[in-house]
Amino acid sequence: MTGKTAIVGNGDGIMVFKAAGVDTFPAEDEKTAKEIIRKIAKEYQIIFLMEELALSLTDFLKRFDEEPYPVILPIPSASGSTGYGEQTLKSAMERALGVDILFNKN
């Protein structure tokens, strides 16, 4: 594995990532996204996943939490953020570091 990056998502929103050199995998539903992630998990270190798909795959994605790779990062789609990606990142940081250093809102 040499630092390959992919994005799994629906719509034209993933095509902008292709211009940046990210491998794109279109998935219109959760079932397709799950199958794609299973296939590419050993080949890619970073996998961006559109929040709408990540929300329904929460239990499936937990299996990747204990391994260093791939890092699966939920990102907002063109329709905007649901807040799921931020919450996932916050939880992961709290598990790893024991404190919330980025999103600490007083």
PDB file of N, CA and C in Angstrom:
ATOM      1  N   MET A   1       0.851  -1.171   0.000  1.00  0.00           N
ATOM      2  CA  MET A   1       0.000   0.000   0.000  1.00  0.00           C
ATOM      3  C   MET A   1       0.901   1.239   0.000  1.00  0.00           C
ATOM      4  N   THR A   2       0.693   2.124  -0.948  1.00  0.00           N
ATOM      5  CA  THR A   2       1.573   3.282  -1.072  1.00  0.00           C
ATOM      6  C   THR A   2       0.814   4.602  -1.009  1.00  0.00           C
ATOM      7  N   GLY A   3      -0.062   4.746  -0.074  1.00  0.00           N
ATOM      8  CA  GLY A   3      -0.747   6.015   0.118  1.00  0.00           C
ATOM      9  C   GLY A   3      -1.839   6.318  -0.877  1.00  0.00           C
ATOM     10  N   LYS A   4      -2.462   5.295  -1.421  1.00  0.00           N
ATOM     11  CA  LYS A   4      -3.530   5.531  -2.376  1.00  0.00           C
ATOM     12  C   LYS A   4      -4.775   6.064  -1.669  1.00  0.00           C
ATOM     13  N   THR A   5      -5.467   6.959  -2.360  1.00  0.00           N
ATOM     14  CA  THR A   5      -6.666   7.600  -1.825  1.00  0.00           C
ATOM     15  C   THR A   5      -7.833   7.367  -2.772  1.00  0.00           C
ATOM     16  N   ALA A   6      -9.005   7.102  -2.180  1.00  0.00           N
ATOM     17  CA  ALA A   6     -10.217   6.872  -2.974  1.00  0.00           C
ATOM     18  C   ALA A   6     -11.375   7.637  -2.359  1.00  0.00           C
ATOM     19  N   ILE A   7     -12.406   7.820  -3.160  1.00  0.00           N
ATOM     20  CA  ILE A   7     -13.666   8.372  -2.662  1.00  0.00           C
ATOM     21  C   ILE A   7     -14.806   7.504  -3.166  1.00  0.00           C
ATOM     22  N   VAL A   8     -15.747   7.231  -2.266  1.00  0.00           N
ATOM     23  CA  VAL A   8     -16.943   6.470  -2.595  1.00  0.00           C
ATOM     24  C   VAL A   8     -18.125   7.390  -2.328  1.00  0.00           C
ATOM     25  N   GLY A   9     -18.948   7.575  -3.344  1.00  0.00           N
ATOM     26  CA  GLY A   9     -20.093   8.461  -3.168  1.00  0.00           C
ATOM     27  C   GLY A   9     -20.984   8.492  -4.380  1.00  0.00           C
ATOM     28  N   ASN A  10     -22.042   9.245  -4.242  1.00  0.00           N
ATOM     29  CA  ASN A  10     -22.987   9.328  -5.345  1.00  0.00           C
ATOM     30  C   ASN A  10     -22.945  10.714  -5.976  1.00  0.00           C
ATOM     31  N   GLY A  11     -23.431  10.791  -7.167  1.00  0.00           N
ATOM     32  CA  GLY A  11     -23.527  12.070  -7.859  1.00  0.00           C
ATOM     33  C   GLY A  11     -22.238  12.532  -8.492  1.00  0.00           C
ATOM     34  N   ASP A  12     -22.325  13.722  -9.035  1.00  0.00           N
ATOM     35  CA  ASP A  12     -21.180  14.302  -9.714  1.00  0.00           C
ATOM     36  C   ASP A  12     -20.153  14.861  -8.737  1.00  0.00           C
ATOM     37  N   GLY A  13     -20.499  14.946  -7.469  1.00  0.00           N
ATOM     38  CA  GLY A  13     -19.619  15.507  -6.461  1.00  0.00           C
ATOM     39  C   GLY A  13     -18.287  14.782  -6.340  1.00  0.00           C
ATOM     40  N   ILE A  14     -18.274  13.503  -6.651  1.00  0.00           N
ATOM     41  CA  ILE A  14     -17.013  12.766  -6.520  1.00  0.00           C
ATOM     42  C   ILE A  14     -16.066  13.040  -7.688  1.00  0.00           C
ATOM     43  N   MET A  15     -16.595  13.555  -8.793  1.00  0.00           N
ATOM     44  CA  MET A  15     -15.750  13.780  -9.970  1.00  0.00           C
ATOM     45  C   MET A  15     -14.712  14.875  -9.763  1.00  0.00           C
ATOM     46  N   VAL A  16     -14.997  15.830  -8.908  1.00  0.00           N
ATOM     47  CA  VAL A  16     -14.020  16.876  -8.635  1.00  0.00           C
ATOM     48  C   VAL A  16     -12.784  16.274  -7.959  1.00  0.00           C
ATOM     49  N   PHE A  17     -12.974  15.207  -7.209  1.00  0.00           N
ATOM     50  CA  PHE A  17     -11.848  14.531  -6.564  1.00  0.00           C
ATOM     51  C   PHE A  17     -10.963  13.835  -7.595  1.00  0.00           C
ATOM     52  N   LYS A  18     -11.567  13.366  -8.659  1.00  0.00           N
ATOM     53  CA  LYS A  18     -10.816  12.703  -9.724  1.00  0.00           C
ATOM     54  C   LYS A  18      -9.786  13.662 -10.319  1.00  0.00           C
ATOM     55  N   ALA A  19     -10.159  14.923 -10.465  1.00  0.00           N
ATOM     56  CA  ALA A  19      -9.246  15.930 -10.998  1.00  0.00           C
ATOM     57  C   ALA A  19      -8.047  16.135 -10.076  1.00  0.00           C
ATOM     58  N   ALA A  20      -8.221  15.808  -8.782  1.00  0.00           N
ATOM     59  CA  ALA A  20      -7.135  15.951  -7.811  1.00  0.00           C
ATOM     60  C   ALA A  20      -6.330  14.666  -7.659  1.00  0.00           C
ATOM     61  N   GLY A  21      -6.611  13.677  -8.505  1.00  0.00           N
ATOM     62  CA  GLY A  21      -5.844  12.438  -8.472  1.00  0.00           C
ATOM     63  C   GLY A  21      -6.380  11.371  -7.536  1.00  0.00           C
ATOM     64  N   VAL A  22      -7.585  11.565  -7.038  1.00  0.00           N
ATOM     65  CA  VAL A  22      -8.217  10.594  -6.144  1.00  0.00           C
ATOM     66  C   VAL A  22      -9.016   9.616  -6.999  1.00  0.00           C
ATOM     67  N   ASP A  23      -8.876   8.322  -6.716  1.00  0.00           N
ATOM     68  CA  ASP A  23      -9.652   7.319  -7.449  1.00  0.00           C
ATOM     69  C   ASP A  23     -11.106   7.394  -6.999  1.00  0.00           C
ATOM     70  N   THR A  24     -12.027   7.411  -7.946  1.00  0.00           N
ATOM     71  CA  THR A  24     -13.446   7.574  -7.639  1.00  0.00           C
ATOM     72  C   THR A  24     -14.214   6.270  -7.862  1.00  0.00           C
ATOM     73  N   PHE A  25     -15.145   6.015  -6.951  1.00  0.00           N
ATOM     74  CA  PHE A  25     -15.990   4.830  -7.032  1.00  0.00           C
ATOM     75  C   PHE A  25     -17.431   5.257  -6.797  1.00  0.00           C
ATOM     76  N   PRO A  26     -18.222   5.360  -7.877  1.00  0.00           N
ATOM     77  CA  PRO A  26     -19.610   5.773  -7.723  1.00  0.00           C
ATOM     78  C   PRO A  26     -20.451   4.703  -7.029  1.00  0.00           C
ATOM     79  N   ALA A  27     -21.253   5.143  -6.068  1.00  0.00           N
ATOM     80  CA  ALA A  27     -22.172   4.253  -5.359  1.00  0.00           C
ATOM     81  C   ALA A  27     -23.449   5.029  -5.077  1.00  0.00           C
ATOM     82  N   GLU A  28     -24.534   4.562  -5.615  1.00  0.00           N
ATOM     83  CA  GLU A  28     -25.806   5.254  -5.449  1.00  0.00           C
ATOM     84  C   GLU A  28     -26.561   4.822  -4.193  1.00  0.00           C
ATOM     85  N   ASP A  29     -26.137   3.709  -3.580  1.00  0.00           N
ATOM     86  CA  ASP A  29     -26.829   3.249  -2.377  1.00  0.00           C
ATOM     87  C   ASP A  29     -25.844   2.598  -1.414  1.00  0.00           C
ATOM     88  N   GLU A  30     -26.331   2.317  -0.208  1.00  0.00           N
ATOM     89  CA  GLU A  30     -25.483   1.767   0.849  1.00  0.00           C
ATOM     90  C   GLU A  30     -24.924   0.399   0.492  1.00  0.00           C
ATOM     91  N   LYS A  31     -25.741  -0.441  -0.139  1.00  0.00           N
ATOM     92  CA  LYS A  31     -25.305  -1.796  -0.494  1.00  0.00           C
ATOM     93  C   LYS A  31     -24.108  -1.742  -1.441  1.00  0.00           C
ATOM     94  N   THR A  32     -24.192  -0.900  -2.448  1.00  0.00           N
ATOM     95  CA  THR A  32     -23.094  -0.755  -3.408  1.00  0.00           C
ATOM     96  C   THR A  32     -21.855  -0.188  -2.732  1.00  0.00           C
ATOM     97  N   ALA A  33     -22.043   0.806  -1.869  1.00  0.00           N
ATOM     98  CA  ALA A  33     -20.911   1.408  -1.157  1.00  0.00           C
ATOM     99  C   ALA A  33     -20.204   0.372  -0.291  1.00  0.00           C
ATOM    100  N   LYS A  34     -20.964  -0.445   0.395  1.00  0.00           N
ATOM    101  CA  LYS A  34     -20.408  -1.496   1.252  1.00  0.00           C
ATOM    102  C   LYS A  34     -19.586  -2.482   0.435  1.00  0.00           C
ATOM    103  N   GLU A  35     -20.104  -2.907  -0.707  1.00  0.00           N
ATOM    104  CA  GLU A  35     -19.385  -3.836  -1.581  1.00  0.00           C
ATOM    105  C   GLU A  35     -18.083  -3.220  -2.088  1.00  0.00           C
ATOM    106  N   ILE A  36     -18.138  -1.961  -2.470  1.00  0.00           N
ATOM    107  CA  ILE A  36     -16.941  -1.274  -2.972  1.00  0.00           C
ATOM    108  C   ILE A  36     -15.892  -1.171  -1.866  1.00  0.00           C
ATOM    109  N   ILE A  37     -16.303  -0.768  -0.689  1.00  0.00           N
ATOM    110  CA  ILE A  37     -15.347  -0.631   0.420  1.00  0.00           C
ATOM    111  C   ILE A  37     -14.694  -1.968   0.732  1.00  0.00           C
ATOM    112  N   ARG A  38     -15.476  -3.034   0.746  1.00  0.00           N
ATOM    113  CA  ARG A  38     -14.898  -4.371   0.973  1.00  0.00           C
ATOM    114  C   ARG A  38     -13.816  -4.687  -0.060  1.00  0.00           C
ATOM    115  N   LYS A  39     -14.075  -4.346  -1.314  1.00  0.00           N
ATOM    116  CA  LYS A  39     -13.137  -4.661  -2.394  1.00  0.00           C
ATOM    117  C   LYS A  39     -11.869  -3.816  -2.344  1.00  0.00           C
ATOM    118  N   ILE A  40     -11.982  -2.552  -1.951  1.00  0.00           N
ATOM    119  CA  ILE A  40     -10.820  -1.655  -2.045  1.00  0.00           C
ATOM    120  C   ILE A  40     -10.089  -1.442  -0.718  1.00  0.00           C
ATOM    121  N   ALA A  41     -10.612  -1.975   0.377  1.00  0.00           N
ATOM    122  CA  ALA A  41     -10.051  -1.705   1.708  1.00  0.00           C
ATOM    123  C   ALA A  41      -8.579  -2.080   1.845  1.00  0.00           C
ATOM    124  N   LYS A  42      -8.142  -3.114   1.177  1.00  0.00           N
ATOM    125  CA  LYS A  42      -6.742  -3.546   1.304  1.00  0.00           C
ATOM    126  C   LYS A  42      -5.802  -2.780   0.384  1.00  0.00           C
ATOM    127  N   GLU A  43      -6.366  -2.080  -0.582  1.00  0.00           N
ATOM    128  CA  GLU A  43      -5.551  -1.391  -1.575  1.00  0.00           C
ATOM    129  C   GLU A  43      -5.365   0.101  -1.276  1.00  0.00           C
ATOM    130  N   TYR A  44      -6.280   0.695  -0.517  1.00  0.00           N
ATOM    131  CA  TYR A  44      -6.257   2.140  -0.284  1.00  0.00           C
ATOM    132  C   TYR A  44      -6.009   2.447   1.186  1.00  0.00           C
ATOM    133  N   GLN A  45      -5.219   3.490   1.449  1.00  0.00           N
ATOM    134  CA  GLN A  45      -4.972   3.905   2.828  1.00  0.00           C
ATOM    135  C   GLN A  45      -6.040   4.872   3.322  1.00  0.00           C
ATOM    136  N   ILE A  46      -6.527   5.733   2.444  1.00  0.00           N
ATOM    137  CA  ILE A  46      -7.550   6.702   2.808  1.00  0.00           C
ATOM    138  C   ILE A  46      -8.741   6.535   1.872  1.00  0.00           C
ATOM    139  N   ILE A  47      -9.909   6.386   2.471  1.00  0.00           N
ATOM    140  CA  ILE A  47     -11.141   6.280   1.698  1.00  0.00           C
ATOM    141  C   ILE A  47     -12.108   7.338   2.216  1.00  0.00           C
ATOM    142  N   PHE A  48     -12.421   8.305   1.364  1.00  0.00           N
ATOM    143  CA  PHE A  48     -13.451   9.283   1.687  1.00  0.00           C
ATOM    144  C   PHE A  48     -14.793   8.654   1.348  1.00  0.00           C
ATOM    145  N   LEU A  49     -15.778   8.880   2.191  1.00  0.00           N
ATOM    146  CA  LEU A  49     -17.108   8.313   1.995  1.00  0.00           C
ATOM    147  C   LEU A  49     -18.134   9.398   2.254  1.00  0.00           C
ATOM    148  N   MET A  50     -19.017   9.612   1.300  1.00  0.00           N
ATOM    149  CA  MET A  50     -20.050  10.633   1.460  1.00  0.00           C
ATOM    150  C   MET A  50     -20.888  10.346   2.708  1.00  0.00           C
ATOM    151  N   GLU A  51     -21.181  11.405   3.469  1.00  0.00           N
ATOM    152  CA  GLU A  51     -21.891  11.269   4.737  1.00  0.00           C
ATOM    153  C   GLU A  51     -23.210  10.513   4.617  1.00  0.00           C
ATOM    154  N   GLU A  52     -23.962  10.761   3.562  1.00  0.00           N
ATOM    155  CA  GLU A  52     -25.263  10.102   3.421  1.00  0.00           C
ATOM    156  C   GLU A  52     -25.113   8.582   3.423  1.00  0.00           C
ATOM    157  N   LEU A  53     -24.053   8.085   2.809  1.00  0.00           N
ATOM    158  CA  LEU A  53     -23.804   6.645   2.777  1.00  0.00           C
ATOM    159  C   LEU A  53     -23.215   6.172   4.105  1.00  0.00           C
ATOM    160  N   ALA A  54     -22.314   6.966   4.668  1.00  0.00           N
ATOM    161  CA  ALA A  54     -21.651   6.594   5.917  1.00  0.00           C
ATOM    162  C   ALA A  54     -22.651   6.443   7.065  1.00  0.00           C
ATOM    163  N   LEU A  55     -23.661   7.311   7.090  1.00  0.00           N
ATOM    164  CA  LEU A  55     -24.665   7.253   8.160  1.00  0.00           C
ATOM    165  C   LEU A  55     -25.302   5.883   8.268  1.00  0.00           C
ATOM    166  N   SER A  56     -25.642   5.294   7.146  1.00  0.00           N
ATOM    167  CA  SER A  56     -26.324   3.999   7.171  1.00  0.00           C
ATOM    168  C   SER A  56     -25.348   2.826   7.266  1.00  0.00           C
ATOM    169  N   LEU A  57     -24.054   3.101   7.183  1.00  0.00           N
ATOM    170  CA  LEU A  57     -23.050   2.036   7.259  1.00  0.00           C
ATOM    171  C   LEU A  57     -22.241   2.091   8.564  1.00  0.00           C
ATOM    172  N   THR A  58     -22.754   2.784   9.562  1.00  0.00           N
ATOM    173  CA  THR A  58     -22.012   2.983  10.805  1.00  0.00           C
ATOM    174  C   THR A  58     -21.507   1.679  11.408  1.00  0.00           C
ATOM    175  N   ASP A  59     -22.366   0.689  11.540  1.00  0.00           N
ATOM    176  CA  ASP A  59     -21.945  -0.588  12.133  1.00  0.00           C
ATOM    177  C   ASP A  59     -20.896  -1.288  11.282  1.00  0.00           C
ATOM    178  N   PHE A  60     -21.068  -1.283   9.991  1.00  0.00           N
ATOM    179  CA  PHE A  60     -20.095  -1.890   9.073  1.00  0.00           C
ATOM    180  C   PHE A  60     -18.743  -1.192   9.185  1.00  0.00           C
ATOM    181  N   LEU A  61     -18.736   0.128   9.279  1.00  0.00           N
ATOM    182  CA  LEU A  61     -17.487   0.896   9.308  1.00  0.00           C
ATOM    183  C   LEU A  61     -16.716   0.716  10.613  1.00  0.00           C
ATOM    184  N   LYS A  62     -17.382   0.311  11.689  1.00  0.00           N
ATOM    185  CA  LYS A  62     -16.710   0.113  12.972  1.00  0.00           C
ATOM    186  C   LYS A  62     -15.612  -0.934  12.882  1.00  0.00           C
ATOM    187  N   ARG A  63     -15.739  -1.885  11.973  1.00  0.00           N
ATOM    188  CA  ARG A  63     -14.717  -2.931  11.853  1.00  0.00           C
ATOM    189  C   ARG A  63     -13.365  -2.369  11.430  1.00  0.00           C
ATOM    190  N   PHE A  64     -13.357  -1.184  10.855  1.00  0.00           N
ATOM    191  CA  PHE A  64     -12.110  -0.580  10.414  1.00  0.00           C
ATOM    192  C   PHE A  64     -11.460   0.289  11.491  1.00  0.00           C
ATOM    193  N   ASP A  65     -12.149   0.518  12.593  1.00  0.00           N
ATOM    194  CA  ASP A  65     -11.656   1.393  13.658  1.00  0.00           C
ATOM    195  C   ASP A  65     -10.385   0.879  14.334  1.00  0.00           C
ATOM    196  N   GLU A  66     -10.231  -0.417  14.420  1.00  0.00           N
ATOM    197  CA  GLU A  66      -9.103  -0.990  15.154  1.00  0.00           C
ATOM    198  C   GLU A  66      -7.856  -1.200  14.299  1.00  0.00           C
ATOM    199  N   GLU A  67      -7.965  -1.008  13.007  1.00  0.00           N
ATOM    200  CA  GLU A  67      -6.837  -1.188  12.101  1.00  0.00           C
ATOM    201  C   GLU A  67      -6.284   0.170  11.681  1.00  0.00           C
ATOM    202  N   PRO A  68      -4.974   0.239  11.420  1.00  0.00           N
ATOM    203  CA  PRO A  68      -4.413   1.530  11.002  1.00  0.00           C
ATOM    204  C   PRO A  68      -4.892   1.969   9.619  1.00  0.00           C
ATOM    205  N   TYR A  69      -5.135   1.011   8.721  1.00  0.00           N
ATOM    206  CA  TYR A  69      -5.575   1.329   7.367  1.00  0.00           C
ATOM    207  C   TYR A  69      -6.646   0.354   6.932  1.00  0.00           C
ATOM    208  N   PRO A  70      -7.579   0.812   6.152  1.00  0.00           N
ATOM    209  CA  PRO A  70      -7.742   2.154   5.628  1.00  0.00           C
ATOM    210  C   PRO A  70      -8.385   3.078   6.665  1.00  0.00           C
ATOM    211  N   VAL A  71      -8.107   4.337   6.515  1.00  0.00           N
ATOM    212  CA  VAL A  71      -8.798   5.366   7.286  1.00  0.00           C
ATOM    213  C   VAL A  71     -10.002   5.769   6.443  1.00  0.00           C
ATOM    214  N   ILE A  72     -11.180   5.588   6.982  1.00  0.00           N
ATOM    215  CA  ILE A  72     -12.406   5.927   6.247  1.00  0.00           C
ATOM    216  C   ILE A  72     -12.982   7.199   6.858  1.00  0.00           C
ATOM    217  N   LEU A  73     -13.029   8.235   6.032  1.00  0.00           N
ATOM    218  CA  LEU A  73     -13.444   9.554   6.494  1.00  0.00           C
ATOM    219  C   LEU A  73     -14.753   9.982   5.837  1.00  0.00           C
ATOM    220  N   PRO A  74     -15.812  10.138   6.625  1.00  0.00           N
ATOM    221  CA  PRO A  74     -17.059  10.663   6.066  1.00  0.00           C
ATOM    222  C   PRO A  74     -16.889  12.142   5.718  1.00  0.00           C
ATOM    223  N   ILE A  75     -17.348  12.512   4.539  1.00  0.00           N
ATOM    224  CA  ILE A  75     -17.265  13.907   4.113  1.00  0.00           C
ATOM    225  C   ILE A  75     -18.630  14.360   3.602  1.00  0.00           C
ATOM    226  N   PRO A  76     -18.903  15.659   3.687  1.00  0.00           N
ATOM    227  CA  PRO A  76     -20.188  16.176   3.194  1.00  0.00           C
ATOM    228  C   PRO A  76     -20.308  16.034   1.681  1.00  0.00           C
ATOM    229  N   SER A  77     -21.511  15.950   1.227  1.00  0.00           N
ATOM    230  CA  SER A  77     -21.766  15.926  -0.214  1.00  0.00           C
ATOM    231  C   SER A  77     -22.088  17.339  -0.678  1.00  0.00           C
ATOM    232  N   ALA A  78     -22.454  17.465  -1.927  1.00  0.00           N
ATOM    233  CA  ALA A  78     -22.807  18.766  -2.482  1.00  0.00           C
ATOM    234  C   ALA A  78     -24.031  19.371  -1.788  1.00  0.00           C
ATOM    235  N   SER A  79     -24.860  18.523  -1.184  1.00  0.00           N
ATOM    236  CA  SER A  79     -26.059  19.033  -0.504  1.00  0.00           C
ATOM    237  C   SER A  79     -25.760  19.544   0.904  1.00  0.00           C
ATOM    238  N   GLY A  80     -24.517  19.434   1.339  1.00  0.00           N
ATOM    239  CA  GLY A  80     -24.126  19.985   2.638  1.00  0.00           C
ATOM    240  C   GLY A  80     -23.849  18.914   3.674  1.00  0.00           C
ATOM    241  N   SER A  81     -23.382  19.360   4.818  1.00  0.00           N
ATOM    242  CA  SER A  81     -22.996  18.463   5.900  1.00  0.00           C
ATOM    243  C   SER A  81     -24.178  18.109   6.789  1.00  0.00           C
ATOM    244  N   THR A  82     -24.178  16.868   7.234  1.00  0.00           N
ATOM    245  CA  THR A  82     -25.160  16.429   8.224  1.00  0.00           C
ATOM    246  C   THR A  82     -24.575  16.532   9.631  1.00  0.00           C
ATOM    247  N   GLY A  83     -23.270  16.777   9.720  1.00  0.00           N
ATOM    248  CA  GLY A  83     -22.580  16.812  11.001  1.00  0.00           C
ATOM    249  C   GLY A  83     -21.997  15.468  11.396  1.00  0.00           C
ATOM    250  N   TYR A  84     -22.327  14.434  10.629  1.00  0.00           N
ATOM    251  CA  TYR A  84     -21.864  13.083  10.946  1.00  0.00           C
ATOM    252  C   TYR A  84     -20.345  12.965  10.849  1.00  0.00           C
ATOM    253  N   GLY A  85     -19.755  13.545   9.822  1.00  0.00           N
ATOM    254  CA  GLY A  85     -18.308  13.466   9.646  1.00  0.00           C
ATOM    255  C   GLY A  85     -17.568  14.119  10.800  1.00  0.00           C
ATOM    256  N   GLU A  86     -18.018  15.281  11.204  1.00  0.00           N
ATOM    257  CA  GLU A  86     -17.393  15.983  12.323  1.00  0.00           C
ATOM    258  C   GLU A  86     -17.513  15.167  13.605  1.00  0.00           C
ATOM    259  N   GLN A  87     -18.680  14.611  13.853  1.00  0.00           N
ATOM    260  CA  GLN A  87     -18.890  13.814  15.061  1.00  0.00           C
ATOM    261  C   GLN A  87     -18.018  12.561  15.050  1.00  0.00           C
ATOM    262  N   THR A  88     -17.872  11.925  13.894  1.00  0.00           N
ATOM    263  CA  THR A  88     -17.043  10.731  13.781  1.00  0.00           C
ATOM    264  C   THR A  88     -15.582  11.061  14.070  1.00  0.00           C
ATOM    265  N   LEU A  89     -15.095  12.148  13.499  1.00  0.00           N
ATOM    266  CA  LEU A  89     -13.718  12.572  13.732  1.00  0.00           C
ATOM    267  C   LEU A  89     -13.503  12.917  15.204  1.00  0.00           C
ATOM    268  N   LYS A  90     -14.446  13.609  15.789  1.00  0.00           N
ATOM    269  CA  LYS A  90     -14.353  13.978  17.201  1.00  0.00           C
ATOM    270  C   LYS A  90     -14.277  12.734  18.079  1.00  0.00           C
ATOM    271  N   SER A  91     -15.115  11.758  17.830  1.00  0.00           N
ATOM    272  CA  SER A  91     -15.123  10.529  18.613  1.00  0.00           C
ATOM    273  C   SER A  91     -13.810   9.761  18.474  1.00  0.00           C
ATOM    274  N   ALA A  92     -13.299   9.700  17.250  1.00  0.00           N
ATOM    275  CA  ALA A  92     -12.033   8.987  17.014  1.00  0.00           C
ATOM    276  C   ALA A  92     -10.885   9.664  17.753  1.00  0.00           C
ATOM    277  N   MET A  93     -10.856  10.978  17.736  1.00  0.00           N
ATOM    278  CA  MET A  93      -9.797  11.714  18.433  1.00  0.00           C
ATOM    279  C   MET A  93      -9.903  11.520  19.942  1.00  0.00           C
ATOM    280  N   GLU A  94     -11.100  11.543  20.458  1.00  0.00           N
ATOM    281  CA  GLU A  94     -11.270  11.340  21.894  1.00  0.00           C
ATOM    282  C   GLU A  94     -10.827   9.946  22.310  1.00  0.00           C
ATOM    283  N   ARG A  95     -11.104   8.931  21.473  1.00  0.00           N
ATOM    284  CA  ARG A  95     -10.653   7.570  21.764  1.00  0.00           C
ATOM    285  C   ARG A  95      -9.129   7.487  21.740  1.00  0.00           C
ATOM    286  N   ALA A  96      -8.526   8.111  20.738  1.00  0.00           N
ATOM    287  CA  ALA A  96      -7.080   8.016  20.565  1.00  0.00           C
ATOM    288  C   ALA A  96      -6.304   8.851  21.576  1.00  0.00           C
ATOM    289  N   LEU A  97      -6.793  10.038  21.863  1.00  0.00           N
ATOM    290  CA  LEU A  97      -6.033  10.977  22.694  1.00  0.00           C
ATOM    291  C   LEU A  97      -6.581  11.122  24.119  1.00  0.00           C
ATOM    292  N   GLY A  98      -7.823  10.743  24.296  1.00  0.00           N
ATOM    293  CA  GLY A  98      -8.434  10.894  25.613  1.00  0.00           C
ATOM    294  C   GLY A  98      -9.070  12.262  25.836  1.00  0.00           C
ATOM    295  N   VAL A  99      -8.869  13.194  24.912  1.00  0.00           N
ATOM    296  CA  VAL A  99      -9.456  14.532  25.026  1.00  0.00           C
ATOM    297  C   VAL A  99      -9.876  15.022  23.653  1.00  0.00           C
ATOM    298  N   ASP A 100     -10.737  16.009  23.655  1.00  0.00           N
ATOM    299  CA  ASP A 100     -11.192  16.640  22.414  1.00  0.00           C
ATOM    300  C   ASP A 100     -10.349  17.895  22.184  1.00  0.00           C
ATOM    301  N   ILE A 101      -9.327  17.798  21.322  1.00  0.00           N
ATOM    302  CA  ILE A 101      -8.426  18.949  21.140  1.00  0.00           C
ATOM    303  C   ILE A 101      -8.824  19.862  19.976  1.00  0.00           C
ATOM    304  N   LEU A 102      -9.614  19.372  19.043  1.00  0.00           N
ATOM    305  CA  LEU A 102      -9.997  20.180  17.892  1.00  0.00           C
ATOM    306  C   LEU A 102     -11.330  20.881  18.022  1.00  0.00           C
ATOM    307  N   PHE A 103     -12.304  20.188  18.554  1.00  0.00           N
ATOM    308  CA  PHE A 103     -13.670  20.694  18.540  1.00  0.00           C
ATOM    309  C   PHE A 103     -14.126  21.154  19.913  1.00  0.00           C
ATOM    310  N   ASN A 104     -13.205  21.333  20.831  1.00  0.00           N
ATOM    311  CA  ASN A 104     -13.561  21.726  22.188  1.00  0.00           C
ATOM    312  C   ASN A 104     -14.272  23.083  22.153  1.00  0.00           C
ATOM    313  N   LYS A 105     -15.561  23.043  22.354  1.00  0.00           N
ATOM    314  CA  LYS A 105     -16.360  24.259  22.310  1.00  0.00           C
ATOM    315  C   LYS A 105     -16.807  24.601  23.716  1.00  0.00           C
ATOM    316  N   ASN A 106     -16.322  25.683  24.218  1.00  0.00           N
ATOM    317  CA  ASN A 106     -16.654  26.096  25.592  1.00  0.00           C
ATOM    318  C   ASN A 106     -17.981  26.812  25.643  1.00  0.00           C
TER     319      ASN A 106
END
